[in-house]
C-alpha atoms as a PDB file:
ATOM      1  CA  MET A   1     -12.113  15.055  -2.765  1.00  0.00           C
ATOM      2  CA  ASP A   2      -8.802  14.868  -4.119  1.00  0.00           C
ATOM      3  CA  VAL A   3      -7.953  10.890  -4.155  1.00  0.00           C
ATOM      4  CA  TYR A   4      -4.145   9.708  -4.375  1.00  0.00           C
ATOM      5  CA  GLY A   5      -2.901   6.012  -5.616  1.00  0.00           C
ATOM      6  CA  ILE A   6       0.735   5.670  -4.614  1.00  0.00           C
ATOM      7  CA  ASP A   7       2.863   2.441  -5.945  1.00  0.00           C
ATOM      8  CA  TYR A   8       5.510   2.853  -3.622  1.00  0.00           C
ATOM      9  CA  THR A   9       9.541   1.605  -3.587  1.00  0.00           C
ATOM     10  CA  SER A  10      12.007   1.846  -0.774  1.00  0.00           C
ATOM     11  CA  THR A  11      14.564   3.042  -3.599  1.00  0.00           C
ATOM     12  CA  PRO A  12      13.278   4.907  -6.049  1.00  0.00           C
ATOM     13  CA  THR A  13      14.790   6.300  -8.947  1.00  0.00           C
ATOM     14  CA  ALA A  14      14.438   7.501 -12.386  1.00  0.00           C
ATOM     15  CA  ARG A  15      14.220   4.688 -13.812  1.00  0.00           C
ATOM     16  CA  LYS A  16      12.033   3.376 -11.231  1.00  0.00           C
ATOM     17  CA  PRO A  17      10.309   6.039  -9.423  1.00  0.00           C
ATOM     18  CA  ILE A  18       7.772   6.155  -6.622  1.00  0.00           C
ATOM     19  CA  VAL A  19       4.238   6.215  -8.734  1.00  0.00           C
ATOM     20  CA  CYS A  20       1.567   8.719  -7.420  1.00  0.00           C
ATOM     21  CA  LEU A  21      -1.720   8.943  -9.501  1.00  0.00           C
ATOM     22  CA  HIS A  22      -3.999  11.603  -8.677  1.00  0.00           C
ATOM     23  CA  ALA A  23      -8.242  11.516  -9.303  1.00  0.00           C
ATOM     24  CA  LYS A  24     -11.030  13.288  -8.316  1.00  0.00           C
ATOM     25  CA  LEU A  25     -13.674  11.255  -6.481  1.00  0.00           C
ATOM     26  CA  THR A  26     -17.454  12.773  -7.060  1.00  0.00           C
ATOM     27  CA  GLY A  27     -20.215  11.088  -5.742  1.00  0.00           C
ATOM     28  CA  MET A  28     -19.657   7.634  -6.845  1.00  0.00           C
ATOM     29  CA  ARG A  29     -17.472   8.578  -9.571  1.00  0.00           C
ATOM     30  CA  LEU A  30     -13.525   8.021  -9.485  1.00  0.00           C
ATOM     31  CA  VAL A  31     -11.955   9.414 -12.289  1.00  0.00           C
ATOM     32  CA  ALA A  32      -8.246   9.594 -13.037  1.00  0.00           C
ATOM     33  CA  HIS A  33      -6.324  12.871 -14.023  1.00  0.00           C
ATOM     34  CA  ALA A  34      -2.645  12.767 -13.480  1.00  0.00           C
ATOM     35  CA  VAL A  35       0.438  10.510 -12.801  1.00  0.00           C
ATOM     36  CA  LEU A  36       3.302  11.765 -11.217  1.00  0.00           C
ATOM     37  CA  ARG A  37       6.763  10.064 -10.981  1.00  0.00           C
ATOM     38  CA  LEU A  38       8.357  10.552  -7.862  1.00  0.00           C
ATOM     39  CA  PRO A  39      12.405   9.650  -8.436  1.00  0.00           C
ATOM     40  CA  THR A  40      13.646  10.265  -4.665  1.00  0.00           C
ATOM     41  CA  GLN A  41      12.587   9.808  -1.095  1.00  0.00           C
ATOM     42  CA  GLU A  42      12.467  13.710  -0.923  1.00  0.00           C
ATOM     43  CA  ALA A  43      10.274  14.053  -3.534  1.00  0.00           C
ATOM     44  CA  PHE A  44       7.894  11.781  -1.928  1.00  0.00           C
ATOM     45  CA  GLU A  45       8.358  13.741   1.433  1.00  0.00           C
ATOM     46  CA  GLN A  46       7.347  16.790  -0.921  1.00  0.00           C
ATOM     47  CA  ALA A  47       3.859  14.924  -1.892  1.00  0.00           C
ATOM     48  CA  LEU A  48       3.009  14.158   1.309  1.00  0.00           C
ATOM     49  CA  LEU A  49       2.826  17.965   2.625  1.00  0.00           C
ATOM     50  CA  THR A  50       0.590  18.520  -0.764  1.00  0.00           C
ATOM     51  CA  PRO A  51      -2.450  21.128   1.276  1.00  0.00           C
ATOM     52  CA  GLY A  52      -5.711  18.805   1.714  1.00  0.00           C
ATOM     53  CA  PRO A  53      -7.981  17.473   1.815  1.00  0.00           C
ATOM     54  CA  TRP A  54      -6.881  14.464   0.077  1.00  0.00           C
ATOM     55  CA  VAL A  55      -6.951  10.992   0.752  1.00  0.00           C
ATOM     56  CA  ALA A  56      -4.340   8.661  -0.357  1.00  0.00           C
ATOM     57  CA  GLY A  57      -3.841   4.393  -0.707  1.00  0.00           C
ATOM     58  CA  LEU A  58       0.011   3.695  -0.227  1.00  0.00           C
ATOM     59  CA  ASP A  59       1.039   0.200  -1.209  1.00  0.00           C
ATOM     60  CA  PHE A  60       3.538  -0.670   1.355  1.00  0.00           C
ATOM     61  CA  PRO A  61       2.980  -2.106   5.255  1.00  0.00           C
ATOM     62  CA  PHE A  62       2.442   0.660   7.701  1.00  0.00           C
ATOM     63  CA  GLY A  63       3.222  -1.314  10.767  1.00  0.00           C
ATOM     64  CA  GLN A  64       4.391  -4.849  11.779  1.00  0.00           C
ATOM     65  CA  SER A  65       3.060  -7.704  13.333  1.00  0.00           C
ATOM     66  CA  ARG A  66       1.850  -7.631  17.454  1.00  0.00           C
ATOM     67  CA  ARG A  67       4.221 -10.859  17.575  1.00  0.00           C
ATOM     68  CA  PHE A  68       7.486  -9.699  16.403  1.00  0.00           C
ATOM     69  CA  ILE A  69       6.609  -6.013  18.211  1.00  0.00           C
ATOM     70  CA  GLU A  70       6.172  -8.032  21.562  1.00  0.00           C
ATOM     71  CA  ASN A  71       8.913 -10.698  21.167  1.00  0.00           C
ATOM     72  CA  ALA A  72      11.555  -7.876  19.890  1.00  0.00           C
ATOM     73  CA  SER A  73      10.329  -6.025  23.200  1.00  0.00           C
ATOM     74  CA  LEU A  74       9.690  -3.067  20.759  1.00  0.00           C
ATOM     75  CA  PRO A  75       7.489   0.239  21.922  1.00  0.00           C
ATOM     76  CA  ASP A  76       3.948  -0.757  22.641  1.00  0.00           C
ATOM     77  CA  ASP A  77       2.121   2.456  20.567  1.00  0.00           C
ATOM     78  CA  TRP A  78       2.822   2.340  16.357  1.00  0.00           C
ATOM     79  CA  ALA A  79       4.211   6.027  16.651  1.00  0.00           C
ATOM     80  CA  ASP A  80       6.742   4.791  19.108  1.00  0.00           C
ATOM     81  CA  TYR A  81       7.925   1.829  17.211  1.00  0.00           C
ATOM     82  CA  VAL A  82       7.716   3.184  13.478  1.00  0.00           C
ATOM     83  CA  ARG A  83       9.783   6.421  15.387  1.00  0.00           C
ATOM     84  CA  PHE A  84      12.374   3.667  17.207  1.00  0.00           C
ATOM     85  CA  LEU A  85      13.044   1.836  13.662  1.00  0.00           C
ATOM     86  CA  GLY A  86      12.985   4.889  11.544  1.00  0.00           C
ATOM     87  CA  SER A  87      15.955   6.069  13.505  1.00  0.00           C
ATOM     88  CA  LYS A  88      18.012   2.723  12.402  1.00  0.00           C
ATOM     89  CA  ASP A  89      19.766   3.162   9.290  1.00  0.00           C
ATOM     90  CA  ARG A  90      19.071   0.339   6.541  1.00  0.00           C
ATOM     91  CA  ARG A  91      22.030  -1.782   7.539  1.00  0.00           C
ATOM     92  CA  VAL A  92      21.269  -1.739  11.582  1.00  0.00           C
ATOM     93  CA  PHE A  93      17.492  -2.312  10.485  1.00  0.00           C
ATOM     94  CA  ARG A  94      18.335  -5.312   8.534  1.00  0.00           C
ATOM     95  CA  ARG A  95      20.713  -6.477  11.132  1.00  0.00           C
ATOM     96  CA  LEU A  96      18.003  -6.177  13.624  1.00  0.00           C
ATOM     97  CA  LEU A  97      15.654  -8.162  11.518  1.00  0.00           C
ATOM     98  CA  GLU A  98      17.968 -11.027  10.618  1.00  0.00           C
ATOM     99  CA  ASP A  99      19.263 -10.973  14.209  1.00  0.00           C
ATOM    100  CA  TYR A 100      15.392 -11.290  15.356  1.00  0.00           C
ATOM    101  CA  LYS A 101      14.990 -14.559  13.120  1.00  0.00           C
ATOM    102  CA  ARG A 102      18.244 -16.424  13.341  1.00  0.00           C
ATOM    103  CA  ASP A 103      17.601 -18.558  16.519  1.00  0.00           C
ATOM    104  CA  ARG A 104      13.740 -19.073  15.760  1.00  0.00           C
ATOM    105  CA  PRO A 105      12.538 -22.381  14.345  1.00  0.00           C
ATOM    106  CA  ALA A 106      11.370 -22.739  11.023  1.00  0.00           C
ATOM    107  CA  GLY A 107       7.731 -21.422  10.192  1.00  0.00           C
ATOM    108  CA  ASP A 108       8.094 -18.438  13.359  1.00  0.00           C
ATOM    109  CA  LYS A 109      10.571 -16.215  11.718  1.00  0.00           C
ATOM    110  CA  HIS A 110       8.473 -14.307   9.690  1.00  0.00           C
ATOM    111  CA  HIS A 111       5.344 -13.108  11.428  1.00  0.00           C
ATOM    112  CA  ARG A 112       2.338 -11.684   9.319  1.00  0.00           C
ATOM    113  CA  ARG A 113      -0.526  -9.361  10.463  1.00  0.00           C
ATOM    114  CA  ARG A 114      -4.121 -10.554  10.532  1.00  0.00           C
ATOM    115  CA  CYS A 115      -4.429  -8.576   6.966  1.00  0.00           C
ATOM    116  CA  ASP A 116      -1.560  -9.848   5.934  1.00  0.00           C
ATOM    117  CA  ARG A 117      -3.060 -13.429   6.577  1.00  0.00           C
ATOM    118  CA  LEU A 118      -6.321 -12.517   4.861  1.00  0.00           C
ATOM    119  CA  THR A 119      -4.788 -11.194   1.887  1.00  0.00           C
ATOM    120  CA  ARG A 120      -2.268 -13.558   1.597  1.00  0.00           C
ATOM    121  CA  SER A 121       0.802 -10.846   1.603  1.00  0.00           C
ATOM    122  CA  GLN A 122       4.175 -11.337   2.770  1.00  0.00           C
ATOM    123  CA  SER A 123       5.036 -10.551   6.512  1.00  0.00           C
ATOM    124  CA  PRO A 124       6.256  -6.875   6.858  1.00  0.00           C
ATOM    125  CA  GLN A 125       9.672  -8.072   8.363  1.00  0.00           C
ATOM    126  CA  THR A 126      10.645  -9.713   4.708  1.00  0.00           C
ATOM    127  CA  LEU A 127      13.733  -8.428   3.213  1.00  0.00           C
ATOM    128  CA  TYR A 128      14.226 -10.039  -0.275  1.00  0.00           C
ATOM    129  CA  GLY A 129      11.957 -10.348  -3.127  1.00  0.00           C
ATOM    130  CA  THR A 130       9.730  -7.582  -2.922  1.00  0.00           C
ATOM    131  CA  PRO A 131      11.183  -5.970   0.577  1.00  0.00           C
ATOM    132  CA  VAL A 132       7.986  -4.921   2.242  1.00  0.00           C
ATOM    133  CA  GLY A 133      10.552  -4.930   5.249  1.00  0.00           C
ATOM    134  CA  LEU A 134      12.598  -2.233   3.999  1.00  0.00           C
ATOM    135  CA  MET A 135       9.291  -0.377   2.343  1.00  0.00           C
ATOM    136  CA  PHE A 136       7.723  -0.305   6.049  1.00  0.00           C
ATOM    137  CA  HIS A 137      11.264   1.199   6.968  1.00  0.00           C
ATOM    138  CA  GLU A 138      11.362   3.910   4.303  1.00  0.00           C
ATOM    139  CA  GLY A 139       7.806   4.748   3.849  1.00  0.00           C
ATOM    140  CA  ALA A 140       6.181   4.749   7.766  1.00  0.00           C
ATOM    141  CA  PRO A 141       8.690   7.170   9.430  1.00  0.00           C
ATOM    142  CA  ARG A 142       8.066   9.574   6.446  1.00  0.00           C
ATOM    143  CA  LEU A 143       4.218   8.991   7.103  1.00  0.00           C
ATOM    144  CA  LEU A 144       4.972   9.778  10.440  1.00  0.00           C
ATOM    145  CA  LYS A 145       7.283  13.010   9.987  1.00  0.00           C
ATOM    146  CA  SER A 146       4.823  14.419   7.531  1.00  0.00           C
ATOM    147  CA  GLY A 147       2.071  14.395  10.199  1.00  0.00           C
ATOM    148  CA  VAL A 148      -0.537  13.068   7.972  1.00  0.00           C
ATOM    149  CA  ALA A 149      -3.647  11.413   9.848  1.00  0.00           C
ATOM    150  CA  VAL A 150      -3.185   7.748   9.607  1.00  0.00           C
ATOM    151  CA  PRO A 151      -6.332   6.060  10.497  1.00  0.00           C
ATOM    152  CA  LEU A 152      -6.269   2.615  12.373  1.00  0.00           C
ATOM    153  CA  HIS A 153      -2.782   3.310  13.831  1.00  0.00           C
ATOM    154  CA  ARG A 154      -2.893   7.297  14.471  1.00  0.00           C
ATOM    155  CA  TRP A 155      -6.374   9.116  14.096  1.00  0.00           C
ATOM    156  CA  GLY A 156      -4.707  12.770  13.995  1.00  0.00           C
ATOM    157  CA  GLN A 157      -5.908  15.688  12.955  1.00  0.00           C
ATOM    158  CA  GLY A 158      -5.902  17.719   9.608  1.00  0.00           C
ATOM    159  CA  ASP A 159      -6.978  17.088   6.411  1.00  0.00           C
ATOM    160  CA  ARG A 160      -4.380  14.864   4.831  1.00  0.00           C
ATOM    161  CA  ILE A 161      -5.172  11.131   5.226  1.00  0.00           C
ATOM    162  CA  ALA A 162      -3.203   8.043   4.698  1.00  0.00           C
ATOM    163  CA  LEU A 163      -4.716   4.407   3.983  1.00  0.00           C
ATOM    164  CA  GLU A 164      -2.549   1.314   3.220  1.00  0.00           C
ATOM    165  CA  ALA A 165      -3.472   0.124   0.389  1.00  0.00           C
ATOM    166  CA  TYR A 166      -2.478  -3.714  -1.447  1.00  0.00           C
ATOM    167  CA  PRO A 167      -2.950  -3.719  -5.085  1.00  0.00           C
ATOM    168  CA  GLY A 168      -2.071  -7.159  -5.696  1.00  0.00           C
ATOM    169  CA  PHE A 169      -5.201  -8.383  -3.563  1.00  0.00           C
ATOM    170  CA  VAL A 170      -7.541  -6.816  -5.413  1.00  0.00           C
ATOM    171  CA  ALA A 171      -6.032  -7.747  -8.766  1.00  0.00           C
ATOM    172  CA  ARG A 172      -6.202 -11.482  -7.500  1.00  0.00           C
ATOM    173  CA  GLN A 173      -9.854 -10.993  -7.198  1.00  0.00           C
ATOM    174  CA  LEU A 174     -10.571  -9.864 -10.428  1.00  0.00           C
ATOM    175  CA  ILE A 175      -8.021 -11.747 -13.006  1.00  0.00           C
ATOM    176  CA  GLY A 176      -6.807 -14.545 -10.650  1.00  0.00           C
ATOM    177  CA  ARG A 177      -3.276 -15.493 -10.482  1.00  0.00           C
ATOM    178  CA  ASP A 178      -2.686 -14.069 -14.090  1.00  0.00           C
ATOM    179  CA  SER A 179       0.574 -12.487 -13.719  1.00  0.00           C
ATOM    180  CA  TYR A 180       0.090  -8.908 -15.479  1.00  0.00           C
ATOM    181  CA  LYS A 181       3.360  -7.116 -14.778  1.00  0.00           C
ATOM    182  CA  SER A 182       7.261  -7.309 -14.149  1.00  0.00           C
ATOM    183  CA  ASP A 183      10.002  -5.068 -13.621  1.00  0.00           C
ATOM    184  CA  THR A 184      12.376  -7.802 -16.225  1.00  0.00           C
ATOM    185  CA  SER A 185      12.513  -6.555 -19.601  1.00  0.00           C
ATOM    186  CA  SER A 186      12.959  -9.969 -20.779  1.00  0.00           C
ATOM    187  CA  LYS A 187       9.476 -10.946 -19.166  1.00  0.00           C
ATOM    188  CA  GLN A 188       7.363  -8.239 -20.358  1.00  0.00           C
ATOM    189  CA  ASN A 189       5.364 -10.154 -22.420  1.00  0.00           C
ATOM    190  CA  ARG A 190       2.478 -10.208 -25.040  1.00  0.00           C
ATOM    191  CA  SER A 191       0.794 -12.623 -21.850  1.00  0.00           C
ATOM    192  CA  ARG A 192       1.426  -9.881 -19.426  1.00  0.00           C
ATOM    193  CA  LEU A 193       0.054  -7.219 -21.673  1.00  0.00           C
ATOM    194  CA  ARG A 194      -3.201  -8.865 -22.465  1.00  0.00           C
ATOM    195  CA  ALA A 195      -3.371  -9.547 -18.354  1.00  0.00           C
ATOM    196  CA  ARG A 196      -3.239  -5.745 -17.543  1.00  0.00           C
ATOM    197  CA  HIS A 197      -5.751  -5.183 -20.267  1.00  0.00           C
ATOM    198  CA  SER A 198      -8.394  -7.555 -18.766  1.00  0.00           C
ATOM    199  CA  LEU A 199      -7.098  -6.067 -15.094  1.00  0.00           C
ATOM    200  CA  TYR A 200      -8.012  -2.859 -16.255  1.00  0.00           C
ATOM    201  CA  ASP A 201     -11.359  -3.965 -18.128  1.00  0.00           C
ATOM    202  CA  HIS A 202     -12.386  -5.634 -14.931  1.00  0.00           C
ATOM    203  CA  LEU A 203     -11.555  -2.735 -13.049  1.00  0.00           C
ATOM    204  CA  THR A 204     -13.230   0.259 -14.918  1.00  0.00           C
ATOM    205  CA  GLY A 205     -16.293  -2.378 -15.985  1.00  0.00           C
ATOM    206  CA  PRO A 206     -19.059  -4.024 -14.002  1.00  0.00           C
ATOM    207  CA  SER A 207     -16.415  -6.025 -12.242  1.00  0.00           C
ATOM    208  CA  GLY A 208     -14.830  -2.867 -10.602  1.00  0.00           C
ATOM    209  CA  ARG A 209     -18.229  -1.529  -9.617  1.00  0.00           C
ATOM    210  CA  ALA A 210     -19.335  -4.377  -7.961  1.00  0.00           C
ATOM    211  CA  LEU A 211     -16.297  -4.865  -6.045  1.00  0.00           C
ATOM    212  CA  PHE A 212     -15.753  -0.892  -5.060  1.00  0.00           C
ATOM    213  CA  GLY A 213     -19.028   0.527  -5.115  1.00  0.00           C
ATOM    214  CA  LEU A 214     -17.624   3.470  -7.481  1.00  0.00           C
ATOM    215  CA  HIS A 215     -17.465   4.204 -11.566  1.00  0.00           C
ATOM    216  CA  ILE A 216     -13.879   3.939 -12.152  1.00  0.00           C
ATOM    217  CA  ALA A 217     -12.491   6.015 -15.276  1.00  0.00           C
ATOM    218  CA  ALA A 218      -8.811   5.903 -16.577  1.00  0.00           C
ATOM    219  CA  PRO A 219      -7.143   6.570 -19.692  1.00  0.00           C
ATOM    220  CA  LYS A 220      -6.312   2.934 -21.125  1.00  0.00           C
ATOM    221  CA  VAL A 221      -2.930   3.735 -21.907  1.00  0.00           C
ATOM    222  CA  PHE A 222      -2.293   2.819 -18.467  1.00  0.00           C
ATOM    223  CA  CYS A 223      -2.061  -1.026 -20.009  1.00  0.00           C
ATOM    224  CA  ASP A 224       0.943   0.303 -21.544  1.00  0.00           C
ATOM    225  CA  ASP A 225       3.289   0.491 -18.599  1.00  0.00           C
ATOM    226  CA  PRO A 226       4.727  -3.101 -18.555  1.00  0.00           C
ATOM    227  CA  THR A 227       5.622  -2.753 -14.952  1.00  0.00           C
ATOM    228  CA  GLY A 228       2.331  -2.561 -13.933  1.00  0.00           C
ATOM    229  CA  ASP A 229       2.850   0.517 -11.539  1.00  0.00           C
ATOM    230  CA  THR A 230       0.649   2.554 -12.871  1.00  0.00           C
ATOM    231  CA  LEU A 231      -2.327   0.227 -13.011  1.00  0.00           C
ATOM    232  CA  ASP A 232      -1.089  -0.384  -9.495  1.00  0.00           C
ATOM    233  CA  ALA A 233      -1.359   2.921  -8.405  1.00  0.00           C
ATOM    234  CA  LEU A 234      -4.720   3.405  -9.524  1.00  0.00           C
ATOM    235  CA  ILE A 235      -6.335   0.207  -7.615  1.00  0.00           C
ATOM    236  CA  CYS A 236      -4.776   1.851  -4.541  1.00  0.00           C
ATOM    237  CA  ALA A 237      -6.537   4.780  -5.267  1.00  0.00           C
ATOM    238  CA  ALA A 238      -9.784   2.883  -5.617  1.00  0.00           C
ATOM    239  CA  GLN A 239      -8.770   1.475  -2.366  1.00  0.00           C
ATOM    240  CA  ALA A 240      -8.380   4.674  -0.654  1.00  0.00           C
ATOM    241  CA  ALA A 241     -11.571   6.209  -2.085  1.00  0.00           C
ATOM    242  CA  TRP A 242     -13.819   3.059  -1.121  1.00  0.00           C
ATOM    243  CA  GLY A 243     -12.072   3.985   2.362  1.00  0.00           C
ATOM    244  CA  TRP A 244     -12.892   7.366   2.652  1.00  0.00           C
ATOM    245  CA  ARG A 245     -16.833   6.284   1.624  1.00  0.00           C
ATOM    246  CA  ARG A 246     -16.412   4.375   5.065  1.00  0.00           C
ATOM    247  CA  HIS A 247     -14.633   6.962   7.074  1.00  0.00           C
ATOM    248  CA  SER A 248     -17.296   6.871   9.827  1.00  0.00           C
ATOM    249  CA  ILE A 249     -17.072   3.200  10.368  1.00  0.00           C
ATOM    250  CA  ASN A 250     -13.274   2.616  10.822  1.00  0.00           C
ATOM    251  CA  TYR A 251     -12.496   3.187   6.880  1.00  0.00           C
ATOM    252  CA  GLY A 252     -13.903  -0.416   6.220  1.00  0.00           C
ATOM    253  CA  ALA A 253     -11.769  -2.003   9.061  1.00  0.00           C
ATOM    254  CA  PRO A 254     -13.574  -4.598  11.661  1.00  0.00           C
ATOM    255  CA  PRO A 255     -14.086  -3.112  15.053  1.00  0.00           C
ATOM    256  CA  ASP A 256     -11.792  -5.332  16.548  1.00  0.00           C
ATOM    257  CA  TRP A 257      -8.648  -4.017  14.376  1.00  0.00           C
ATOM    258  CA  ASP A 258      -5.493  -3.671  16.049  1.00  0.00           C
ATOM    259  CA  PRO A 259      -4.237  -0.620  16.539  1.00  0.00           C
ATOM    260  CA  LEU A 260      -0.289  -2.145  16.410  1.00  0.00           C
ATOM    261  CA  GLU A 261      -0.686  -3.599  13.511  1.00  0.00           C
ATOM    262  CA  GLY A 262      -3.429  -1.757  11.308  1.00  0.00           C
ATOM    263  CA  TRP A 263      -5.637  -2.521   8.593  1.00  0.00           C
ATOM    264  CA  ILE A 264      -5.375  -2.626   4.732  1.00  0.00           C
ATOM    265  CA  SER A 265      -8.234  -0.722   2.966  1.00  0.00           C
ATOM    266  CA  SER A 266     -10.276  -2.615   0.681  1.00  0.00           C
ATOM    267  CA  PRO A 267     -13.437  -4.476  -0.396  1.00  0.00           C
ATOM    268  CA  GLY A 268     -13.311  -8.227  -0.037  1.00  0.00           C
ATOM    269  CA  LEU A 269     -11.148  -8.628   2.797  1.00  0.00           C
ATOM    270  CA  ASP A 270     -13.154 -10.776   4.967  1.00  0.00           C
ATOM    271  CA  SER A 271     -12.154  -9.359   8.945  1.00  0.00           C
ATOM    272  CA  GLY A 272     -12.492 -13.033  10.109  1.00  0.00           C
END
């Protein structure tokens, strides 16, 4: 099976591209083959049209929280609300989210999905810091437009399958909260380089095999990327492979997943 791990950004450039790792899954062995760097959203769209069969893990929220969807009177269907929000330009989408939270009390402005709470990830409404709200706004409509199957949201037909991934959750399981990456050159230091090597060693060693049930092989040169994007793409590929091997049981999601919110494909995600 062809497996892709995609570390996504809402504003790709040649300097900060979308990183797409191609790997092969054979039995219980996942082997990284090539890294593509996509400098534009158009290049990302073309990548989604690559003929299957393949499964991809993509590092951005595919959905919004049910609480936000219902409070904002958005359509009660994933494809419909993604299409609606995707029809707004970035400025209008920002204003919609800002208007929503303006008069709400503290602690009730940004809502997280069930899988966000369990993985300690940000609300998909977030616009600042790591702007996962903008990543949703740019990424989810492109998934919908591409016609890929999006299990846990829209099953669809065909042999191109997109699963939501979150490498930060796996990194914390393997090396705790050690910081291993930064986009700021002044923070790209030896401490983070050591953390990347530790993450790589755990991922490709016994800890990774215990977590994913896979033998993961990749060049150690992946550690040389100070942004961490290449290692994150490798983790996304591992999360996609893990989900694919459980395709007959909701791709590893609990039986009561919410189709409006979706689920993150990852081992170690307690469904409680």
